[in-house]
PDB file of N, CA and C in Angstrom:
ATOM      1  N   MET A   1      75.298 102.091 221.944  1.00  0.00           N
ATOM      2  CA  MET A   1      76.377 100.937 222.070  1.00  0.00           C
ATOM      3  C   MET A   1      77.045 101.418 223.417  1.00  0.00           C
ATOM      4  N   ALA A   2      77.027 100.522 224.447  1.00  0.00           N
ATOM      5  CA  ALA A   2      77.771 100.622 225.463  1.00  0.00           C
ATOM      6  C   ALA A   2      79.208 100.629 225.219  1.00  0.00           C
ATOM      7  N   ASP A   3      80.085 101.168 226.254  1.00  0.00           N
ATOM      8  CA  ASP A   3      81.463 101.647 226.115  1.00  0.00           C
ATOM      9  C   ASP A   3      81.890 100.343 226.551  1.00  0.00           C
ATOM     10  N   LYS A   4      82.744  99.724 225.478  1.00  0.00           N
ATOM     11  CA  LYS A   4      83.518  98.417 226.147  1.00  0.00           C
ATOM     12  C   LYS A   4      84.276  98.254 227.254  1.00  0.00           C
ATOM     13  N   ASN A   5      84.592  99.239 227.650  1.00  0.00           N
ATOM     14  CA  ASN A   5      85.338  99.138 229.095  1.00  0.00           C
ATOM     15  C   ASN A   5      84.554  98.865 230.236  1.00  0.00           C
ATOM     16  N   ILE A   6      83.106  99.318 230.176  1.00  0.00           N
ATOM     17  CA  ILE A   6      82.219  99.274 231.142  1.00  0.00           C
ATOM     18  C   ILE A   6      81.776  97.937 230.889  1.00  0.00           C
ATOM     19  N   VAL A   7      81.368  97.348 229.727  1.00  0.00           N
ATOM     20  CA  VAL A   7      81.241  95.920 229.667  1.00  0.00           C
ATOM     21  C   VAL A   7      82.170  95.089 230.327  1.00  0.00           C
ATOM     22  N   LYS A   8      83.380  95.425 230.107  1.00  0.00           N
ATOM     23  CA  LYS A   8      84.692  94.657 230.732  1.00  0.00           C
ATOM     24  C   LYS A   8      84.895  94.372 232.031  1.00  0.00           C
ATOM     25  N   ASN A   9      84.569  95.735 232.737  1.00  0.00           N
ATOM     26  CA  ASN A   9      84.578  95.762 234.181  1.00  0.00           C
ATOM     27  C   ASN A   9      83.462  95.109 234.750  1.00  0.00           C
ATOM     28  N   LYS A  10      82.113  95.103 233.964  1.00  0.00           N
ATOM     29  CA  LYS A  10      81.121  94.600 234.644  1.00  0.00           C
ATOM     30  C   LYS A  10      81.426  93.066 234.553  1.00  0.00           C
ATOM     31  N   LYS A  11      81.828  92.432 233.484  1.00  0.00           N
ATOM     32  CA  LYS A  11      82.307  91.102 233.621  1.00  0.00           C
ATOM     33  C   LYS A  11      83.430  90.820 234.441  1.00  0.00           C
ATOM     34  N   ALA A  12      84.125  91.407 234.534  1.00  0.00           N
ATOM     35  CA  ALA A  12      85.525  91.183 235.564  1.00  0.00           C
ATOM     36  C   ALA A  12      84.836  91.257 236.977  1.00  0.00           C
ATOM     37  N   ASP A  13      83.980  92.258 237.370  1.00  0.00           N
ATOM     38  CA  ASP A  13      83.277  92.291 238.651  1.00  0.00           C
ATOM     39  C   ASP A  13      82.357  91.072 239.009  1.00  0.00           C
ATOM     40  N   ARG A  14      81.773  90.318 237.902  1.00  0.00           N
ATOM     41  CA  ARG A  14      80.762  89.242 238.045  1.00  0.00           C
ATOM     42  C   ARG A  14      81.609  88.062 238.435  1.00  0.00           C
ATOM     43  N   ARG A  15      82.981  88.094 237.480  1.00  0.00           N
ATOM     44  CA  ARG A  15      83.958  86.838 237.984  1.00  0.00           C
ATOM     45  C   ARG A  15      84.468  86.951 239.242  1.00  0.00           C
ATOM     46  N   ARG A  16      84.711  88.294 239.661  1.00  0.00           N
ATOM     47  CA  ARG A  16      85.161  88.367 241.176  1.00  0.00           C
ATOM     48  C   ARG A  16      84.204  87.845 242.167  1.00  0.00           C
ATOM     49  N   ARG A  17      83.016  88.451 242.047  1.00  0.00           N
ATOM     50  CA  ARG A  17      81.942  88.012 242.869  1.00  0.00           C
ATOM     51  C   ARG A  17      81.918  86.514 242.935  1.00  0.00           C
ATOM     52  N   ARG A  18      81.526  85.861 241.781  1.00  0.00           N
ATOM     53  CA  ARG A  18      81.624  84.425 241.526  1.00  0.00           C
ATOM     54  C   ARG A  18      82.540  83.633 242.414  1.00  0.00           C
ATOM     55  N   VAL A  19      84.144  84.247 242.278  1.00  0.00           N
ATOM     56  CA  VAL A  19      85.026  83.832 243.146  1.00  0.00           C
ATOM     57  C   VAL A  19      84.731  83.695 244.703  1.00  0.00           C
ATOM     58  N   ARG A  20      84.636  84.879 245.229  1.00  0.00           N
ATOM     59  CA  ARG A  20      84.555  85.406 246.547  1.00  0.00           C
ATOM     60  C   ARG A  20      83.305  84.942 247.037  1.00  0.00           C
ATOM     61  N   SER A  21      82.179  84.377 246.445  1.00  0.00           N
ATOM     62  CA  SER A  21      81.156  83.591 247.129  1.00  0.00           C
ATOM     63  C   SER A  21      81.461  82.601 247.689  1.00  0.00           C
ATOM     64  N   LYS A  22      82.431  81.932 247.379  1.00  0.00           N
ATOM     65  CA  LYS A  22      82.712  80.594 247.967  1.00  0.00           C
ATOM     66  C   LYS A  22      83.960  80.706 248.758  1.00  0.00           C
ATOM     67  N   ILE A  23      84.613  81.694 248.670  1.00  0.00           N
ATOM     68  CA  ILE A  23      85.693  81.852 249.671  1.00  0.00           C
ATOM     69  C   ILE A  23      85.790  82.940 250.598  1.00  0.00           C
ATOM     70  N   PHE A  24      86.020  82.284 252.137  1.00  0.00           N
ATOM     71  CA  PHE A  24      86.049  83.354 253.304  1.00  0.00           C
ATOM     72  C   PHE A  24      87.127  82.911 254.133  1.00  0.00           C
ATOM     73  N   GLY A  25      87.857  83.934 254.400  1.00  0.00           N
ATOM     74  CA  GLY A  25      89.171  83.620 255.227  1.00  0.00           C
ATOM     75  C   GLY A  25      88.860  83.591 256.784  1.00  0.00           C
ATOM     76  N   THR A  26      89.453  82.570 257.375  1.00  0.00           N
ATOM     77  CA  THR A  26      89.202  82.566 259.008  1.00  0.00           C
ATOM     78  C   THR A  26      90.488  82.803 259.523  1.00  0.00           C
ATOM     79  N   PRO A  27      90.703  82.939 260.920  1.00  0.00           N
ATOM     80  CA  PRO A  27      91.586  83.048 261.836  1.00  0.00           C
ATOM     81  C   PRO A  27      92.412  81.778 261.433  1.00  0.00           C
ATOM     82  N   GLU A  28      92.076  80.454 261.347  1.00  0.00           N
ATOM     83  CA  GLU A  28      92.730  79.087 261.414  1.00  0.00           C
ATOM     84  C   GLU A  28      92.993  79.037 259.791  1.00  0.00           C
ATOM     85  N   CYS A  29      92.231  79.824 258.840  1.00  0.00           N
ATOM     86  CA  CYS A  29      92.670  79.510 257.368  1.00  0.00           C
ATOM     87  C   CYS A  29      92.384  80.764 256.687  1.00  0.00           C
ATOM     88  N   PRO A  30      93.454  81.628 256.673  1.00  0.00           N
ATOM     89  CA  PRO A  30      92.977  83.149 256.084  1.00  0.00           C
ATOM     90  C   PRO A  30      93.086  82.943 254.524  1.00  0.00           C
ATOM     91  N   ARG A  31      92.676  84.019 253.930  1.00  0.00           N
ATOM     92  CA  ARG A  31      92.511  84.085 252.579  1.00  0.00           C
ATOM     93  C   ARG A  31      93.812  84.492 251.939  1.00  0.00           C
ATOM     94  N   LEU A  32      94.510  84.171 250.840  1.00  0.00           N
ATOM     95  CA  LEU A  32      95.404  84.630 250.150  1.00  0.00           C
ATOM     96  C   LEU A  32      94.963  85.103 248.884  1.00  0.00           C
ATOM     97  N   THR A  33      94.896  86.491 248.787  1.00  0.00           N
ATOM     98  CA  THR A  33      94.392  87.003 247.456  1.00  0.00           C
ATOM     99  C   THR A  33      95.453  87.643 246.782  1.00  0.00           C
ATOM    100  N   VAL A  34      95.595  87.491 245.561  1.00  0.00           N
ATOM    101  CA  VAL A  34      96.365  87.916 244.502  1.00  0.00           C
ATOM    102  C   VAL A  34      95.635  88.977 243.546  1.00  0.00           C
ATOM    103  N   SER A  35      96.277  90.245 243.185  1.00  0.00           N
ATOM    104  CA  SER A  35      96.129  91.162 242.458  1.00  0.00           C
ATOM    105  C   SER A  35      97.279  91.495 241.684  1.00  0.00           C
ATOM    106  N   ARG A  36      96.843  91.717 240.053  1.00  0.00           N
ATOM    107  CA  ARG A  36      97.859  92.094 239.333  1.00  0.00           C
ATOM    108  C   ARG A  36      97.786  93.271 238.508  1.00  0.00           C
ATOM    109  N   SER A  37      98.542  93.894 238.365  1.00  0.00           N
ATOM    110  CA  SER A  37      98.845  95.081 237.362  1.00  0.00           C
ATOM    111  C   SER A  37      99.354  94.966 236.097  1.00  0.00           C
ATOM    112  N   LEU A  38      99.821  95.787 235.330  1.00  0.00           N
ATOM    113  CA  LEU A  38     100.329  95.414 234.066  1.00  0.00           C
ATOM    114  C   LEU A  38     101.976  95.382 234.375  1.00  0.00           C
ATOM    115  N   LYS A  39     102.672  95.751 235.444  1.00  0.00           N
ATOM    116  CA  LYS A  39     103.838  95.836 235.902  1.00  0.00           C
ATOM    117  C   LYS A  39     104.097  94.688 237.273  1.00  0.00           C
ATOM    118  N   ASN A  40     103.270  94.784 238.281  1.00  0.00           N
ATOM    119  CA  ASN A  40     103.307  94.158 239.483  1.00  0.00           C
ATOM    120  C   ASN A  40     102.211  93.065 239.922  1.00  0.00           C
ATOM    121  N   VAL A  41     102.516  92.583 240.829  1.00  0.00           N
ATOM    122  CA  VAL A  41     101.910  91.461 241.559  1.00  0.00           C
ATOM    123  C   VAL A  41     101.986  91.811 243.117  1.00  0.00           C
ATOM    124  N   THR A  42     100.501  92.207 243.695  1.00  0.00           N
ATOM    125  CA  THR A  42     100.285  91.922 244.951  1.00  0.00           C
ATOM    126  C   THR A  42      99.762  91.052 245.547  1.00  0.00           C
ATOM    127  N   VAL A  43     100.060  90.606 246.901  1.00  0.00           N
ATOM    128  CA  VAL A  43      99.545  89.464 247.572  1.00  0.00           C
ATOM    129  C   VAL A  43      99.294  89.879 248.920  1.00  0.00           C
ATOM    130  N   GLN A  44      98.207  89.408 249.444  1.00  0.00           N
ATOM    131  CA  GLN A  44      97.868  89.604 250.905  1.00  0.00           C
ATOM    132  C   GLN A  44      97.166  88.424 251.338  1.00  0.00           C
ATOM    133  N   ILE A  45      97.577  88.402 252.599  1.00  0.00           N
ATOM    134  CA  ILE A  45      96.692  87.225 253.572  1.00  0.00           C
ATOM    135  C   ILE A  45      95.914  88.187 254.449  1.00  0.00           C
ATOM    136  N   ILE A  46      94.553  87.747 254.277  1.00  0.00           N
ATOM    137  CA  ILE A  46      93.716  88.397 255.014  1.00  0.00           C
ATOM    138  C   ILE A  46      92.571  87.496 255.931  1.00  0.00           C
ATOM    139  N   ASP A  47      92.400  87.931 257.219  1.00  0.00           N
ATOM    140  CA  ASP A  47      91.616  87.240 257.834  1.00  0.00           C
ATOM    141  C   ASP A  47      90.202  88.115 257.786  1.00  0.00           C
ATOM    142  N   ASP A  48      89.112  87.456 257.081  1.00  0.00           N
ATOM    143  CA  ASP A  48      87.846  88.161 256.926  1.00  0.00           C
ATOM    144  C   ASP A  48      87.049  88.361 258.148  1.00  0.00           C
ATOM    145  N   GLU A  49      87.257  87.443 259.285  1.00  0.00           N
ATOM    146  CA  GLU A  49      86.275  87.744 260.031  1.00  0.00           C
ATOM    147  C   GLU A  49      86.669  88.975 261.129  1.00  0.00           C
ATOM    148  N   LYS A  50      87.954  89.021 261.206  1.00  0.00           N
ATOM    149  CA  LYS A  50      88.337  90.541 262.044  1.00  0.00           C
ATOM    150  C   LYS A  50      88.578  91.463 260.868  1.00  0.00           C
ATOM    151  N   LYS A  51      88.362  91.348 259.749  1.00  0.00           N
ATOM    152  CA  LYS A  51      88.697  92.286 258.352  1.00  0.00           C
ATOM    153  C   LYS A  51      89.862  93.014 258.608  1.00  0.00           C
ATOM    154  N   ILE A  52      91.000  92.119 258.668  1.00  0.00           N
ATOM    155  CA  ILE A  52      92.607  92.601 258.806  1.00  0.00           C
ATOM    156  C   ILE A  52      93.492  92.155 257.863  1.00  0.00           C
ATOM    157  N   THR A  53      94.298  92.692 257.554  1.00  0.00           N
ATOM    158  CA  THR A  53      95.339  92.093 256.589  1.00  0.00           C
ATOM    159  C   THR A  53      96.516  91.584 257.367  1.00  0.00           C
ATOM    160  N   LEU A  54      96.646  90.284 257.435  1.00  0.00           N
ATOM    161  CA  LEU A  54      97.690  89.846 258.521  1.00  0.00           C
ATOM    162  C   LEU A  54      99.369  90.030 257.871  1.00  0.00           C
ATOM    163  N   VAL A  55      99.215  89.898 256.517  1.00  0.00           N
ATOM    164  CA  VAL A  55     100.501  89.957 255.626  1.00  0.00           C
ATOM    165  C   VAL A  55     100.034  90.440 254.167  1.00  0.00           C
ATOM    166  N   GLY A  56     101.219  91.216 253.846  1.00  0.00           N
ATOM    167  CA  GLY A  56     101.209  91.904 252.560  1.00  0.00           C
ATOM    168  C   GLY A  56     102.261  92.010 251.703  1.00  0.00           C
ATOM    169  N   LEU A  57     102.232  91.830 250.537  1.00  0.00           N
ATOM    170  CA  LEU A  57     103.818  91.916 249.888  1.00  0.00           C
ATOM    171  C   LEU A  57     103.292  92.354 248.474  1.00  0.00           C
ATOM    172  N   ALA A  58     104.466  93.193 247.697  1.00  0.00           N
ATOM    173  CA  ALA A  58     103.953  93.353 246.458  1.00  0.00           C
ATOM    174  C   ALA A  58     105.722  93.225 245.658  1.00  0.00           C
ATOM    175  N   SER A  59     105.402  93.130 244.306  1.00  0.00           N
ATOM    176  CA  SER A  59     106.597  92.824 243.510  1.00  0.00           C
ATOM    177  C   SER A  59     107.477  94.046 243.467  1.00  0.00           C
ATOM    178  N   ASN A  60     106.836  95.198 244.000  1.00  0.00           N
ATOM    179  CA  ASN A  60     107.662  96.592 244.028  1.00  0.00           C
ATOM    180  C   ASN A  60     108.027  96.903 245.248  1.00  0.00           C
ATOM    181  N   SER A  61     107.838  95.851 246.380  1.00  0.00           N
ATOM    182  CA  SER A  61     108.215  96.248 247.743  1.00  0.00           C
ATOM    183  C   SER A  61     109.630  96.371 248.106  1.00  0.00           C
ATOM    184  N   LYS A  62     110.174  96.972 249.019  1.00  0.00           N
ATOM    185  CA  LYS A  62     111.677  96.980 249.405  1.00  0.00           C
ATOM    186  C   LYS A  62     112.079  95.504 249.612  1.00  0.00           C
ATOM    187  N   GLU A  63     111.530  94.847 250.376  1.00  0.00           N
ATOM    188  CA  GLU A  63     111.836  93.619 250.791  1.00  0.00           C
ATOM    189  C   GLU A  63     112.022  92.588 249.464  1.00  0.00           C
ATOM    190  N   ILE A  64     111.403  92.527 248.676  1.00  0.00           N
ATOM    191  CA  ILE A  64     111.248  91.913 247.706  1.00  0.00           C
ATOM    192  C   ILE A  64     112.169  92.084 246.310  1.00  0.00           C
ATOM    193  N   LEU A  65     112.497  93.392 246.169  1.00  0.00           N
ATOM    194  CA  LEU A  65     113.136  94.044 245.130  1.00  0.00           C
ATOM    195  C   LEU A  65     114.622  93.614 244.990  1.00  0.00           C
ATOM    196  N   LYS A  66     115.311  93.486 246.117  1.00  0.00           N
ATOM    197  CA  LYS A  66     116.668  92.986 246.190  1.00  0.00           C
ATOM    198  C   LYS A  66     116.910  91.906 245.687  1.00  0.00           C
ATOM    199  N   ASP A  67     115.825  90.806 245.810  1.00  0.00           N
ATOM    200  CA  ASP A  67     115.752  89.419 245.115  1.00  0.00           C
ATOM    201  C   ASP A  67     115.394  89.330 243.782  1.00  0.00           C
ATOM    202  N   ILE A  68     114.815  90.477 243.169  1.00  0.00           N
ATOM    203  CA  ILE A  68     114.346  90.336 241.843  1.00  0.00           C
ATOM    204  C   ILE A  68     115.215  91.248 240.916  1.00  0.00           C
ATOM    205  N   LYS A  69     115.910  90.549 239.852  1.00  0.00           N
ATOM    206  CA  LYS A  69     116.783  91.347 239.046  1.00  0.00           C
ATOM    207  C   LYS A  69     115.934  91.962 238.088  1.00  0.00           C
ATOM    208  N   PRO A  70     116.519  92.946 237.558  1.00  0.00           N
ATOM    209  CA  PRO A  70     115.551  94.057 236.349  1.00  0.00           C
ATOM    210  C   PRO A  70     115.444  93.543 235.277  1.00  0.00           C
ATOM    211  N   THR A  71     116.127  91.997 234.785  1.00  0.00           N
ATOM    212  CA  THR A  71     116.056  91.635 233.646  1.00  0.00           C
ATOM    213  C   THR A  71     115.072  90.292 233.807  1.00  0.00           C
ATOM    214  N   GLU A  72     114.609  89.951 235.015  1.00  0.00           N
ATOM    215  CA  GLU A  72     113.800  88.863 235.248  1.00  0.00           C
ATOM    216  C   GLU A  72     112.452  89.160 234.236  1.00  0.00           C
ATOM    217  N   LYS A  73     111.719  88.009 234.295  1.00  0.00           N
ATOM    218  CA  LYS A  73     110.532  88.024 233.556  1.00  0.00           C
ATOM    219  C   LYS A  73     109.453  88.447 234.780  1.00  0.00           C
ATOM    220  N   LYS A  74     108.358  88.697 234.481  1.00  0.00           N
ATOM    221  CA  LYS A  74     107.205  89.006 235.560  1.00  0.00           C
ATOM    222  C   LYS A  74     106.662  87.697 236.171  1.00  0.00           C
ATOM    223  N   THR A  75     107.071  86.835 235.571  1.00  0.00           N
ATOM    224  CA  THR A  75     106.534  85.492 235.979  1.00  0.00           C
ATOM    225  C   THR A  75     107.175  85.056 236.967  1.00  0.00           C
ATOM    226  N   GLU A  76     108.649  85.202 236.602  1.00  0.00           N
ATOM    227  CA  GLU A  76     109.776  84.562 237.713  1.00  0.00           C
ATOM    228  C   GLU A  76     109.541  85.790 238.759  1.00  0.00           C
ATOM    229  N   ALA A  77     109.188  86.973 238.643  1.00  0.00           N
ATOM    230  CA  ALA A  77     109.168  87.936 239.750  1.00  0.00           C
ATOM    231  C   ALA A  77     107.861  87.512 240.772  1.00  0.00           C
ATOM    232  N   ALA A  78     107.018  87.059 240.037  1.00  0.00           N
ATOM    233  CA  ALA A  78     105.675  86.648 240.749  1.00  0.00           C
ATOM    234  C   ALA A  78     106.079  85.417 241.382  1.00  0.00           C
ATOM    235  N   HIS A  79     106.853  84.434 241.116  1.00  0.00           N
ATOM    236  CA  HIS A  79     107.268  83.215 241.847  1.00  0.00           C
ATOM    237  C   HIS A  79     107.882  83.442 243.076  1.00  0.00           C
ATOM    238  N   LYS A  80     108.749  84.476 243.004  1.00  0.00           N
ATOM    239  CA  LYS A  80     109.719  84.986 244.350  1.00  0.00           C
ATOM    240  C   LYS A  80     108.643  85.712 245.111  1.00  0.00           C
ATOM    241  N   VAL A  81     107.637  86.289 244.774  1.00  0.00           N
ATOM    242  CA  VAL A  81     106.864  86.987 245.514  1.00  0.00           C
ATOM    243  C   VAL A  81     106.285  85.915 246.476  1.00  0.00           C
ATOM    244  N   GLY A  82     105.351  84.713 245.492  1.00  0.00           N
ATOM    245  CA  GLY A  82     104.821  83.598 246.056  1.00  0.00           C
ATOM    246  C   GLY A  82     105.919  83.185 247.355  1.00  0.00           C
ATOM    247  N   LEU A  83     106.909  82.722 247.003  1.00  0.00           N
ATOM    248  CA  LEU A  83     107.974  82.200 248.135  1.00  0.00           C
ATOM    249  C   LEU A  83     108.357  83.085 249.315  1.00  0.00           C
ATOM    250  N   LYS A  84     108.231  84.400 248.818  1.00  0.00           N
ATOM    251  CA  LYS A  84     108.382  85.196 250.006  1.00  0.00           C
ATOM    252  C   LYS A  84     107.286  85.615 251.012  1.00  0.00           C
ATOM    253  N   ILE A  85     106.024  85.563 250.372  1.00  0.00           N
ATOM    254  CA  ILE A  85     104.826  85.596 251.134  1.00  0.00           C
ATOM    255  C   ILE A  85     104.803  84.309 251.960  1.00  0.00           C
ATOM    256  N   ALA A  86     105.393  83.223 251.511  1.00  0.00           N
ATOM    257  CA  ALA A  86     104.863  82.107 252.531  1.00  0.00           C
ATOM    258  C   ALA A  86     105.864  82.153 253.315  1.00  0.00           C
ATOM    259  N   GLU A  87     107.066  82.583 253.161  1.00  0.00           N
ATOM    260  CA  GLU A  87     108.138  82.769 254.262  1.00  0.00           C
ATOM    261  C   GLU A  87     107.490  83.781 255.532  1.00  0.00           C
ATOM    262  N   LEU A  88     106.898  84.907 254.988  1.00  0.00           N
ATOM    263  CA  LEU A  88     106.359  85.744 255.886  1.00  0.00           C
ATOM    264  C   LEU A  88     105.058  85.306 256.646  1.00  0.00           C
ATOM    265  N   ALA A  89     104.353  84.503 255.913  1.00  0.00           N
ATOM    266  CA  ALA A  89     103.293  83.891 256.647  1.00  0.00           C
ATOM    267  C   ALA A  89     103.909  82.635 257.796  1.00  0.00           C
ATOM    268  N   LYS A  90     104.870  82.069 257.369  1.00  0.00           N
ATOM    269  CA  LYS A  90     105.352  80.944 258.405  1.00  0.00           C
ATOM    270  C   LYS A  90     105.805  81.735 259.461  1.00  0.00           C
ATOM    271  N   ALA A  91     106.381  82.859 259.517  1.00  0.00           N
ATOM    272  CA  ALA A  91     106.854  83.597 260.286  1.00  0.00           C
ATOM    273  C   ALA A  91     105.838  84.235 261.267  1.00  0.00           C
ATOM    274  N   LYS A  92     104.648  84.393 260.862  1.00  0.00           N
ATOM    275  CA  LYS A  92     103.418  84.830 261.826  1.00  0.00           C
ATOM    276  C   LYS A  92     102.751  83.487 262.239  1.00  0.00           C
ATOM    277  N   GLY A  93     103.024  82.385 261.796  1.00  0.00           N
ATOM    278  CA  GLY A  93     102.358  81.304 262.376  1.00  0.00           C
ATOM    279  C   GLY A  93     101.161  80.711 261.545  1.00  0.00           C
ATOM    280  N   ILE A  94     101.311  81.170 260.097  1.00  0.00           N
ATOM    281  CA  ILE A  94     100.404  80.677 259.212  1.00  0.00           C
ATOM    282  C   ILE A  94     100.546  79.704 258.165  1.00  0.00           C
ATOM    283  N   GLU A  95      99.843  78.444 258.446  1.00  0.00           N
ATOM    284  CA  GLU A  95     100.386  77.090 257.624  1.00  0.00           C
ATOM    285  C   GLU A  95      99.433  77.085 256.376  1.00  0.00           C
ATOM    286  N   LYS A  96      98.186  77.232 256.541  1.00  0.00           N
ATOM    287  CA  LYS A  96      97.176  76.913 255.716  1.00  0.00           C
ATOM    288  C   LYS A  96      96.506  78.332 255.377  1.00  0.00           C
ATOM    289  N   VAL A  97      96.151  78.315 254.296  1.00  0.00           N
ATOM    290  CA  VAL A  97      95.370  79.428 253.383  1.00  0.00           C
ATOM    291  C   VAL A  97      94.201  78.802 252.386  1.00  0.00           C
ATOM    292  N   VAL A  98      93.423  79.712 252.106  1.00  0.00           N
ATOM    293  CA  VAL A  98      92.682  79.555 251.132  1.00  0.00           C
ATOM    294  C   VAL A  98      92.855  80.504 250.000  1.00  0.00           C
ATOM    295  N   PHE A  99      93.053  80.142 248.681  1.00  0.00           N
ATOM    296  CA  PHE A  99      93.573  80.944 247.377  1.00  0.00           C
ATOM    297  C   PHE A  99      92.362  81.395 246.803  1.00  0.00           C
ATOM    298  N   ASP A 100      92.442  82.932 246.705  1.00  0.00           N
ATOM    299  CA  ASP A 100      91.487  83.700 246.324  1.00  0.00           C
ATOM    300  C   ASP A 100      92.239  84.436 244.844  1.00  0.00           C
ATOM    301  N   ARG A 101      91.778  83.923 243.803  1.00  0.00           N
ATOM    302  CA  ARG A 101      92.477  84.647 242.503  1.00  0.00           C
ATOM    303  C   ARG A 101      91.735  85.700 241.860  1.00  0.00           C
ATOM    304  N   ASN A 102      90.918  86.226 242.764  1.00  0.00           N
ATOM    305  CA  ASN A 102      89.984  87.221 242.152  1.00  0.00           C
ATOM    306  C   ASN A 102      89.079  87.083 240.624  1.00  0.00           C
ATOM    307  N   GLN A 103      89.378  88.088 239.733  1.00  0.00           N
ATOM    308  CA  GLN A 103      88.587  87.832 238.685  1.00  0.00           C
ATOM    309  C   GLN A 103      89.790  87.086 237.605  1.00  0.00           C
ATOM    310  N   TYR A 104      90.827  86.864 237.864  1.00  0.00           N
ATOM    311  CA  TYR A 104      91.870  86.494 237.022  1.00  0.00           C
ATOM    312  C   TYR A 104      91.781  85.259 236.951  1.00  0.00           C
ATOM    313  N   ARG A 105      92.411  84.582 235.521  1.00  0.00           N
ATOM    314  CA  ARG A 105      92.081  83.004 235.380  1.00  0.00           C
ATOM    315  C   ARG A 105      93.653  82.323 236.048  1.00  0.00           C
ATOM    316  N   PHE A 106      93.664  81.443 236.707  1.00  0.00           N
ATOM    317  CA  PHE A 106      94.625  80.547 237.274  1.00  0.00           C
ATOM    318  C   PHE A 106      95.747  80.391 236.027  1.00  0.00           C
ATOM    319  N   HIS A 107      96.404  81.181 235.811  1.00  0.00           N
ATOM    320  CA  HIS A 107      97.498  80.906 234.516  1.00  0.00           C
ATOM    321  C   HIS A 107      98.280  82.261 234.519  1.00  0.00           C
ATOM    322  N   GLY A 108      99.587  81.916 234.070  1.00  0.00           N
ATOM    323  CA  GLY A 108     101.008  82.909 234.071  1.00  0.00           C
ATOM    324  C   GLY A 108     101.016  83.273 235.582  1.00  0.00           C
ATOM    325  N   ARG A 109     101.019  84.410 235.923  1.00  0.00           N
ATOM    326  CA  ARG A 109     101.694  85.204 236.882  1.00  0.00           C
ATOM    327  C   ARG A 109     100.732  84.804 238.246  1.00  0.00           C
ATOM    328  N   ILE A 110      99.444  84.616 237.981  1.00  0.00           N
ATOM    329  CA  ILE A 110      98.635  84.030 239.335  1.00  0.00           C
ATOM    330  C   ILE A 110      99.153  82.632 239.621  1.00  0.00           C
ATOM    331  N   LYS A 111      99.163  81.951 238.626  1.00  0.00           N
ATOM    332  CA  LYS A 111      99.719  80.518 239.079  1.00  0.00           C
ATOM    333  C   LYS A 111     101.073  80.560 239.611  1.00  0.00           C
ATOM    334  N   ALA A 112     102.063  81.254 238.962  1.00  0.00           N
ATOM    335  CA  ALA A 112     103.357  81.433 239.721  1.00  0.00           C
ATOM    336  C   ALA A 112     103.399  81.713 241.156  1.00  0.00           C
ATOM    337  N   VAL A 113     102.415  82.824 241.376  1.00  0.00           N
ATOM    338  CA  VAL A 113     102.330  83.198 242.690  1.00  0.00           C
ATOM    339  C   VAL A 113     102.092  81.945 243.442  1.00  0.00           C
ATOM    340  N   ALA A 114     100.889  81.207 243.029  1.00  0.00           N
ATOM    341  CA  ALA A 114     100.618  79.937 244.074  1.00  0.00           C
ATOM    342  C   ALA A 114     101.617  79.048 244.095  1.00  0.00           C
ATOM    343  N   GLU A 115     102.076  78.702 242.864  1.00  0.00           N
ATOM    344  CA  GLU A 115     103.262  77.849 243.232  1.00  0.00           C
ATOM    345  C   GLU A 115     104.614  78.041 243.861  1.00  0.00           C
ATOM    346  N   GLY A 116     104.864  79.300 243.786  1.00  0.00           N
ATOM    347  CA  GLY A 116     105.793  79.848 244.822  1.00  0.00           C
ATOM    348  C   GLY A 116     105.312  79.795 246.442  1.00  0.00           C
ATOM    349  N   ALA A 117     104.052  80.169 246.412  1.00  0.00           N
ATOM    350  CA  ALA A 117     103.575  79.828 248.059  1.00  0.00           C
ATOM    351  C   ALA A 117     103.384  78.355 248.145  1.00  0.00           C
ATOM    352  N   ARG A 118     102.816  77.520 247.525  1.00  0.00           N
ATOM    353  CA  ARG A 118     103.298  76.158 247.770  1.00  0.00           C
ATOM    354  C   ARG A 118     104.642  75.407 247.978  1.00  0.00           C
ATOM    355  N   LYS A 119     105.454  75.926 247.224  1.00  0.00           N
ATOM    356  CA  LYS A 119     106.849  75.446 247.499  1.00  0.00           C
ATOM    357  C   LYS A 119     107.318  76.162 248.599  1.00  0.00           C
ATOM    358  N   GLY A 120     106.973  77.280 249.112  1.00  0.00           N
ATOM    359  CA  GLY A 120     107.380  77.961 250.335  1.00  0.00           C
ATOM    360  C   GLY A 120     106.892  77.398 251.572  1.00  0.00           C
ATOM    361  N   GLY A 121     105.693  76.611 251.332  1.00  0.00           N
ATOM    362  CA  GLY A 121     105.486  75.618 252.594  1.00  0.00           C
ATOM    363  C   GLY A 121     103.944  75.949 253.143  1.00  0.00           C
ATOM    364  N   LEU A 122     103.341  76.765 252.241  1.00  0.00           N
ATOM    365  CA  LEU A 122     101.749  77.046 252.421  1.00  0.00           C
ATOM    366  C   LEU A 122     100.970  76.061 251.907  1.00  0.00           C
ATOM    367  N   LYS A 123      99.972  75.616 252.720  1.00  0.00           N
ATOM    368  CA  LYS A 123      98.960  74.558 252.099  1.00  0.00           C
ATOM    369  C   LYS A 123      97.855  75.415 251.648  1.00  0.00           C
ATOM    370  N   PHE A 124      97.175  74.909 250.499  1.00  0.00           N
ATOM    371  CA  PHE A 124      95.936  75.436 250.077  1.00  0.00           C
ATOM    372  C   PHE A 124      94.884  74.597 250.241  1.00  0.00           C
TER     373      PHE A 124
END
């Protein structure tokens, strides 16, 4: 019998490839990708044609730690990360992005990042 972690990682990889097959970031409309760990959320805005990261931010980075209180929930912190990434993107002249949720469901912290970015002024 196969190890269940191997099976779980294969399923996650299949979901990631399915999502990424439909999404591609251009200079006019880069890709906003979200990844999460047990404690933190990482957000990047990527231009896939040039293969560069335009803006990146994590919930444990210095810019955002001063805004997040230690008693806040992870979902609230993810919302603030979304607001801050929208602010950084606006400073770089990015108005419109395509959202890449990776293998994660559009639920919880991933949804909070998306809502924060929309509230900050990014258009999906």
